[in-house]
Amino acid sequence: MQKLLVFQSLWAMERRHADGCERGLEENIAVIVEAGFDGISAHYTNRDDVVRLNEVIRGTGLKIEGVCFPRSVEDLRPTLELASEFPVSHIDLQADVRPRRVEDCLPLLDGWMRLAERAGVPVYVETHRHRITSDLLFTLDLLDRRPDLPLLADLSHYLVGREFAFPVEEESHAQVRRILHNAQAFHGRVGSCQQIQIEMSFPQHRPWVDLFRDWWAYGFRHWRSRAADDAELVMTCELGPRPYAITDRDGHDTTDRSAEALLLRQLVLDVWAESADPSGNRTHGACVPDPVI
């Protein structure tokens, strides 16, 4: 049976409050385990950090999304070596390069995919600002050249990056759905046309929550249609600390991000359950025809 696993980002566990108090790794892992998450998202670039992380989570049952930021093909190799020694669900590749031409991106993408295949480790390229996938339209051009490129979809970057009109017009919906056709995993937060991360629990933000709910519903359904019967899909809750989180004049978050992460987890679990319904009549995003880009 296909399964949705909901991870929590260790970056999202940072407080960054004015009091300067931060929890240690052990405490953060204990909080994540107590909350019932299935895994964590953590950097997989420094061996000492990866060794310590795996020591701390031993016996918890938590799985890992490893994050890396390569600037060259060879930069991915150490992360894959770590992932072979300390297994991960997948690698989230944030390509820390910004070529202006699609042709200059292809050798990098092809090289990373070759290394991933040889290592037997799933590697997904994240849709993220200030990365190779920074712009939505540029990423669509990449998909025209590499239609099977596996993506990790963080849709908040494209909503705020292109400052979509609201309500979102059909052209933009179609472009997002094209991204979702290649999504092998997801990062979850709710943004708006102007802000990368807004407070899910504020009633004035309900239209944005509904928008992301629709997109995720479409993405989950499409993933189900092409994944194996026993495949696992990972959605990582990634409600980041400031400057992602909106803060008050004293530098404190305007909401409890841990509580909002639990709200987000329940929302995506509900969407996942609904995505098993082949009628797909919960959201307009799940019912529209496939995009023509």
Protein backbone atom coordinates (compact mmCIF):
# COMPACT_ATOMS: atom_id res chain seq x y z
CA MET A 1 0.00 0.00 0.00
CA GLN A 2 1.27 3.47 -0.87
CA LYS A 3 2.11 5.55 2.19
CA LEU A 4 2.68 9.20 3.04
CA LEU A 5 5.48 9.91 5.51
CA VAL A 6 5.55 13.33 7.16
CA PHE A 7 8.99 14.60 8.22
CA GLN A 8 9.98 17.60 10.31
CA SER A 9 12.86 19.88 9.29
CA LEU A 10 15.63 20.36 11.84
CA TRP A 11 16.10 23.87 10.45
CA ALA A 12 12.46 24.53 11.29
CA MET A 13 13.18 23.52 14.89
CA GLU A 14 15.49 26.52 15.36
CA ARG A 15 13.92 29.24 17.53
CA ARG A 16 16.08 32.26 16.64
CA HIS A 17 14.26 34.31 19.27
CA ALA A 18 15.57 37.45 20.89
CA ASP A 19 16.38 35.56 24.10
CA GLY A 20 19.06 33.58 22.26
CA CYS A 21 17.92 30.26 23.72
CA GLU A 22 18.13 27.24 21.42
CA ARG A 23 17.36 23.58 22.05
CA GLY A 24 20.10 21.03 21.54
CA LEU A 25 19.91 18.25 18.95
CA GLU A 26 18.86 15.64 21.49
CA GLU A 27 15.99 17.79 22.73
CA ASN A 28 14.84 18.61 19.21
CA ILE A 29 14.82 14.92 18.26
CA ALA A 30 12.87 14.08 21.42
CA VAL A 31 10.27 16.74 20.54
CA ILE A 32 9.99 15.39 16.98
CA VAL A 33 9.57 11.82 18.19
CA GLU A 34 6.98 12.84 20.79
CA ALA A 35 5.03 14.72 18.10
CA GLY A 36 4.83 11.57 16.01
CA PHE A 37 6.73 12.61 12.88
CA ASP A 38 8.07 9.86 10.64
CA GLY A 39 11.44 11.43 9.95
CA ILE A 40 13.64 14.49 9.81
CA SER A 41 15.23 16.70 7.19
CA ALA A 42 18.87 17.53 7.90
CA HIS A 43 22.03 18.64 6.12
CA TYR A 44 24.10 15.76 4.75
CA THR A 45 27.29 17.64 3.96
CA ASN A 46 29.51 17.26 7.04
CA ARG A 47 30.53 13.80 8.19
CA ASP A 48 30.84 14.65 11.89
CA ASP A 49 27.34 16.16 11.91
CA VAL A 50 25.86 13.17 10.06
CA VAL A 51 27.52 10.68 12.43
CA ARG A 52 26.20 12.54 15.47
CA LEU A 53 22.72 12.86 13.99
CA ASN A 54 22.52 9.13 13.33
CA GLU A 55 23.74 8.37 16.83
CA VAL A 56 21.03 10.57 18.34
CA ILE A 57 18.18 9.11 16.29
CA ARG A 58 19.27 5.48 16.76
CA GLY A 59 16.31 3.45 18.01
CA THR A 60 13.74 6.16 17.27
CA GLY A 61 12.62 4.80 13.91
CA LEU A 62 13.05 8.23 12.32
CA LYS A 63 14.00 8.30 8.65
CA ILE A 64 16.14 11.01 7.08
CA GLU A 65 15.91 13.42 4.19
CA GLY A 66 19.50 14.49 3.50
CA VAL A 67 19.99 18.01 2.17
CA CYS A 68 22.97 19.19 0.15
CA PHE A 69 23.98 22.27 -1.83
CA PRO A 70 26.36 21.22 -4.64
CA ARG A 71 27.95 23.70 -7.01
CA SER A 72 29.53 21.09 -9.25
CA VAL A 73 28.86 17.48 -10.21
CA GLU A 74 31.64 16.25 -7.93
CA ASP A 75 30.24 18.18 -4.97
CA LEU A 76 27.44 15.61 -4.75
CA ARG A 77 29.79 12.66 -4.33
CA PRO A 78 30.58 13.14 -0.58
CA THR A 79 26.86 13.42 0.21
CA LEU A 80 26.14 10.20 -1.67
CA GLU A 81 28.97 8.46 0.17
CA LEU A 82 27.45 9.55 3.48
CA ALA A 83 24.00 8.41 2.32
CA SER A 84 25.41 5.00 1.42
CA GLU A 85 26.91 4.64 4.90
CA PHE A 86 24.04 6.29 6.77
CA PRO A 87 20.90 5.52 4.72
CA VAL A 88 18.38 8.19 3.79
CA SER A 89 14.90 8.19 2.34
CA HIS A 90 16.26 10.47 -0.40
CA ILE A 91 18.60 13.37 -1.01
CA ASP A 92 17.20 16.88 -1.40
CA LEU A 93 19.55 18.56 -3.85
CA GLN A 94 19.53 22.35 -3.71
CA ALA A 95 21.74 23.21 -6.66
CA ASP A 96 23.70 26.26 -5.53
CA VAL A 97 24.33 27.55 -9.05
CA ARG A 98 22.37 29.96 -11.23
CA PRO A 99 23.27 29.57 -14.92
CA ARG A 100 21.43 31.92 -17.25
CA ARG A 101 21.17 29.39 -20.08
CA VAL A 102 19.41 26.03 -19.97
CA GLU A 103 22.27 24.48 -21.93
CA ASP A 104 24.68 25.30 -19.12
CA CYS A 105 22.47 23.48 -16.60
CA LEU A 106 22.17 20.20 -18.47
CA PRO A 107 25.71 18.84 -17.81
CA LEU A 108 25.21 19.47 -14.09
CA LEU A 109 21.79 17.82 -13.95
CA ASP A 110 22.94 14.87 -16.05
CA GLY A 111 26.06 14.43 -13.93
CA TRP A 112 24.12 14.47 -10.67
CA MET A 113 21.60 11.95 -11.97
CA ARG A 114 24.39 9.63 -13.15
CA LEU A 115 26.07 9.74 -9.74
CA ALA A 116 22.74 9.11 -8.00
CA GLU A 117 21.99 6.11 -10.21
CA ARG A 118 25.42 4.59 -9.60
CA ALA A 119 25.07 5.09 -5.84
CA GLY A 120 21.53 3.73 -5.78
CA VAL A 121 20.36 6.74 -3.78
CA PRO A 122 17.24 8.72 -4.81
CA VAL A 123 18.22 12.34 -5.52
CA TYR A 124 15.55 14.98 -6.11
CA VAL A 125 16.25 18.54 -7.28
CA GLU A 126 14.38 21.03 -5.11
CA THR A 127 12.41 23.93 -6.56
CA HIS A 128 13.94 26.79 -4.61
CA ARG A 129 14.78 30.45 -5.03
CA HIS A 130 18.44 31.38 -5.63
CA ARG A 131 19.11 27.89 -6.96
CA ILE A 132 19.25 26.32 -10.43
CA THR A 133 15.45 26.05 -10.28
CA SER A 134 14.95 29.60 -9.00
CA ASP A 135 12.50 30.71 -11.66
CA LEU A 136 9.35 28.76 -12.51
CA LEU A 137 9.52 29.39 -16.27
CA PHE A 138 13.23 28.53 -16.41
CA THR A 139 12.49 25.27 -14.59
CA LEU A 140 9.76 24.49 -17.11
CA ASP A 141 12.37 24.98 -19.84
CA LEU A 142 14.63 22.53 -17.99
CA LEU A 143 11.80 20.00 -17.93
CA ASP A 144 11.32 20.45 -21.68
CA ARG A 145 14.92 19.26 -22.09
CA ARG A 146 14.89 16.70 -19.25
CA PRO A 147 11.26 15.54 -18.95
CA ASP A 148 12.07 12.87 -16.32
CA LEU A 149 14.05 15.12 -13.96
CA PRO A 150 12.94 14.17 -10.42
CA LEU A 151 11.90 17.22 -8.43
CA LEU A 152 11.28 17.96 -4.79
CA ALA A 153 8.40 20.43 -4.94
CA ASP A 154 8.45 23.44 -2.63
CA LEU A 155 5.73 25.46 -4.31
CA SER A 156 5.95 28.42 -1.95
CA HIS A 157 9.06 29.62 -3.77
CA TYR A 158 7.26 29.91 -7.07
CA LEU A 159 4.17 31.58 -5.64
CA VAL A 160 6.15 34.37 -4.01
CA GLY A 161 8.92 34.40 -6.62
CA ARG A 162 6.57 35.18 -9.49
CA GLU A 163 4.06 37.06 -7.31
CA PHE A 164 1.07 35.34 -8.87
CA ALA A 165 -2.15 37.28 -9.13
CA PHE A 166 -4.87 36.11 -6.77
CA PRO A 167 -7.06 34.30 -7.43
CA VAL A 168 -4.43 32.41 -9.38
CA GLU A 169 -5.13 32.36 -13.09
CA GLU A 170 -5.36 29.12 -15.06
CA GLU A 171 -2.03 29.66 -16.84
CA SER A 172 -0.17 29.71 -13.53
CA HIS A 173 -2.12 26.71 -12.24
CA ALA A 174 -1.08 24.78 -15.36
CA GLN A 175 2.57 25.72 -14.84
CA VAL A 176 2.50 24.55 -11.22
CA ARG A 177 0.81 21.30 -12.25
CA ARG A 178 3.64 20.66 -14.73
CA ILE A 179 6.08 20.90 -11.81
CA LEU A 180 3.92 18.50 -9.81
CA HIS A 181 4.11 15.92 -12.60
CA ASN A 182 7.80 15.50 -11.70
CA ALA A 183 7.46 15.81 -7.92
CA GLN A 184 8.93 12.82 -6.07
CA ALA A 185 8.74 14.50 -2.64
CA PHE A 186 7.41 17.72 -1.16
CA HIS A 187 8.36 20.49 1.24
CA GLY A 188 5.40 22.00 3.03
CA ARG A 189 4.68 25.54 4.05
CA VAL A 190 1.97 28.01 3.07
CA GLY A 191 3.04 31.24 1.41
CA SER A 192 1.32 34.11 -0.32
CA CYS A 193 2.07 36.19 -3.39
CA GLN A 194 4.17 38.49 -1.23
CA GLN A 195 5.48 36.37 1.67
CA ILE A 196 7.27 33.05 1.64
CA GLN A 197 5.70 31.81 4.88
CA ILE A 198 2.46 32.99 6.45
CA GLU A 199 0.60 31.93 9.57
CA MET A 200 -1.65 29.00 8.67
CA SER A 201 -3.89 29.48 11.69
CA PHE A 202 -4.80 33.11 10.96
CA PRO A 203 -8.32 33.22 9.46
CA GLN A 204 -7.38 35.88 6.88
CA HIS A 205 -4.89 33.42 5.39
CA ARG A 206 -7.44 30.71 4.69
CA PRO A 207 -7.49 31.37 0.90
CA TRP A 208 -3.76 30.65 0.73
CA VAL A 209 -4.15 27.48 2.80
CA ASP A 210 -6.87 26.33 0.42
CA LEU A 211 -4.66 27.11 -2.59
CA PHE A 212 -1.82 24.95 -1.30
CA ARG A 213 -4.26 22.26 -0.27
CA ASP A 214 -5.49 22.12 -3.86
CA TRP A 215 -1.99 21.97 -5.31
CA TRP A 216 -0.90 19.24 -2.90
CA ALA A 217 -4.06 17.27 -3.64
CA TYR A 218 -3.23 17.34 -7.35
CA GLY A 219 0.41 16.46 -6.67
CA PHE A 220 -0.47 13.55 -4.40
CA ARG A 221 -2.92 12.13 -6.93
CA HIS A 222 -0.45 12.41 -9.75
CA TRP A 223 2.29 10.78 -7.66
CA ARG A 224 -0.07 7.91 -6.75
CA SER A 225 -0.81 7.32 -10.44
CA ARG A 226 2.85 6.74 -11.34
CA ALA A 227 4.39 5.31 -8.14
CA ALA A 228 4.68 1.65 -7.19
CA ASP A 229 1.97 0.10 -5.06
CA ASP A 230 4.29 -0.04 -2.02
CA ALA A 231 5.99 3.33 -2.55
CA GLU A 232 6.42 5.95 0.16
CA LEU A 233 5.96 9.68 -0.48
CA VAL A 234 7.70 12.14 1.84
CA MET A 235 6.27 15.54 2.77
CA THR A 236 8.56 17.60 5.00
CA CYS A 237 7.06 20.27 7.23
CA GLU A 238 9.43 23.19 6.78
CA LEU A 239 8.09 26.16 8.73
CA GLY A 240 11.35 28.01 9.00
CA PRO A 241 12.56 30.46 11.65
CA ARG A 242 13.01 34.14 10.89
CA PRO A 243 13.43 35.62 8.36
CA TYR A 244 11.04 33.02 6.92
CA ALA A 245 8.75 33.29 9.93
CA ILE A 246 7.02 36.63 10.40
CA THR A 247 8.03 38.17 13.73
CA ASP A 248 6.78 40.94 16.02
CA ARG A 249 8.71 44.03 17.08
CA ASP A 250 10.56 42.01 19.74
CA GLY A 251 11.74 39.38 17.26
CA HIS A 252 9.34 36.67 18.40
CA ASP A 253 7.33 34.48 16.02
CA THR A 254 3.73 35.63 15.64
CA THR A 255 2.61 31.99 16.04
CA ASP A 256 3.91 28.79 17.63
CA ARG A 257 5.61 27.18 14.66
CA SER A 258 5.67 23.76 16.35
CA ALA A 259 1.90 23.91 16.76
CA GLU A 260 1.49 25.08 13.18
CA ALA A 261 3.67 22.20 11.98
CA LEU A 262 1.20 19.82 13.61
CA LEU A 263 -1.65 21.62 11.85
CA LEU A 264 0.23 21.30 8.58
CA ARG A 265 0.88 17.61 9.17
CA GLN A 266 -2.80 16.93 9.81
CA LEU A 267 -3.78 18.91 6.74
CA VAL A 268 -1.51 16.92 4.43
CA LEU A 269 -2.59 13.63 6.00
CA ASP A 270 -6.20 14.59 5.28
CA VAL A 271 -5.29 15.52 1.71
CA TRP A 272 -3.45 12.23 1.33
CA ALA A 273 -6.46 10.26 2.53
CA GLU A 274 -8.69 12.12 0.08
CA SER A 275 -6.23 11.52 -2.75
CA ALA A 276 -7.04 7.82 -2.61
CA ASP A 277 -10.53 8.69 -3.89
CA PRO A 278 -10.40 8.30 -7.68
CA SER A 279 -13.32 10.69 -8.11
CA GLY A 280 -11.00 13.54 -7.13
CA ASN A 281 -13.89 15.89 -6.35
CA ARG A 282 -12.53 17.62 -3.25
CA THR A 283 -10.50 20.33 -4.97
CA HIS A 284 -10.54 22.09 -8.29
CA GLY A 285 -6.79 21.53 -8.57
CA ALA A 286 -7.28 17.78 -8.65
CA CYS A 287 -9.98 17.85 -11.31
CA VAL A 288 -8.53 20.08 -13.99
CA PRO A 289 -7.09 18.55 -17.16
CA ASP A 290 -3.37 17.99 -17.51
CA PRO A 291 -1.47 21.16 -18.46
CA VAL A 292 -0.26 22.06 -21.88
CA ILE A 293 2.81 24.25 -21.40
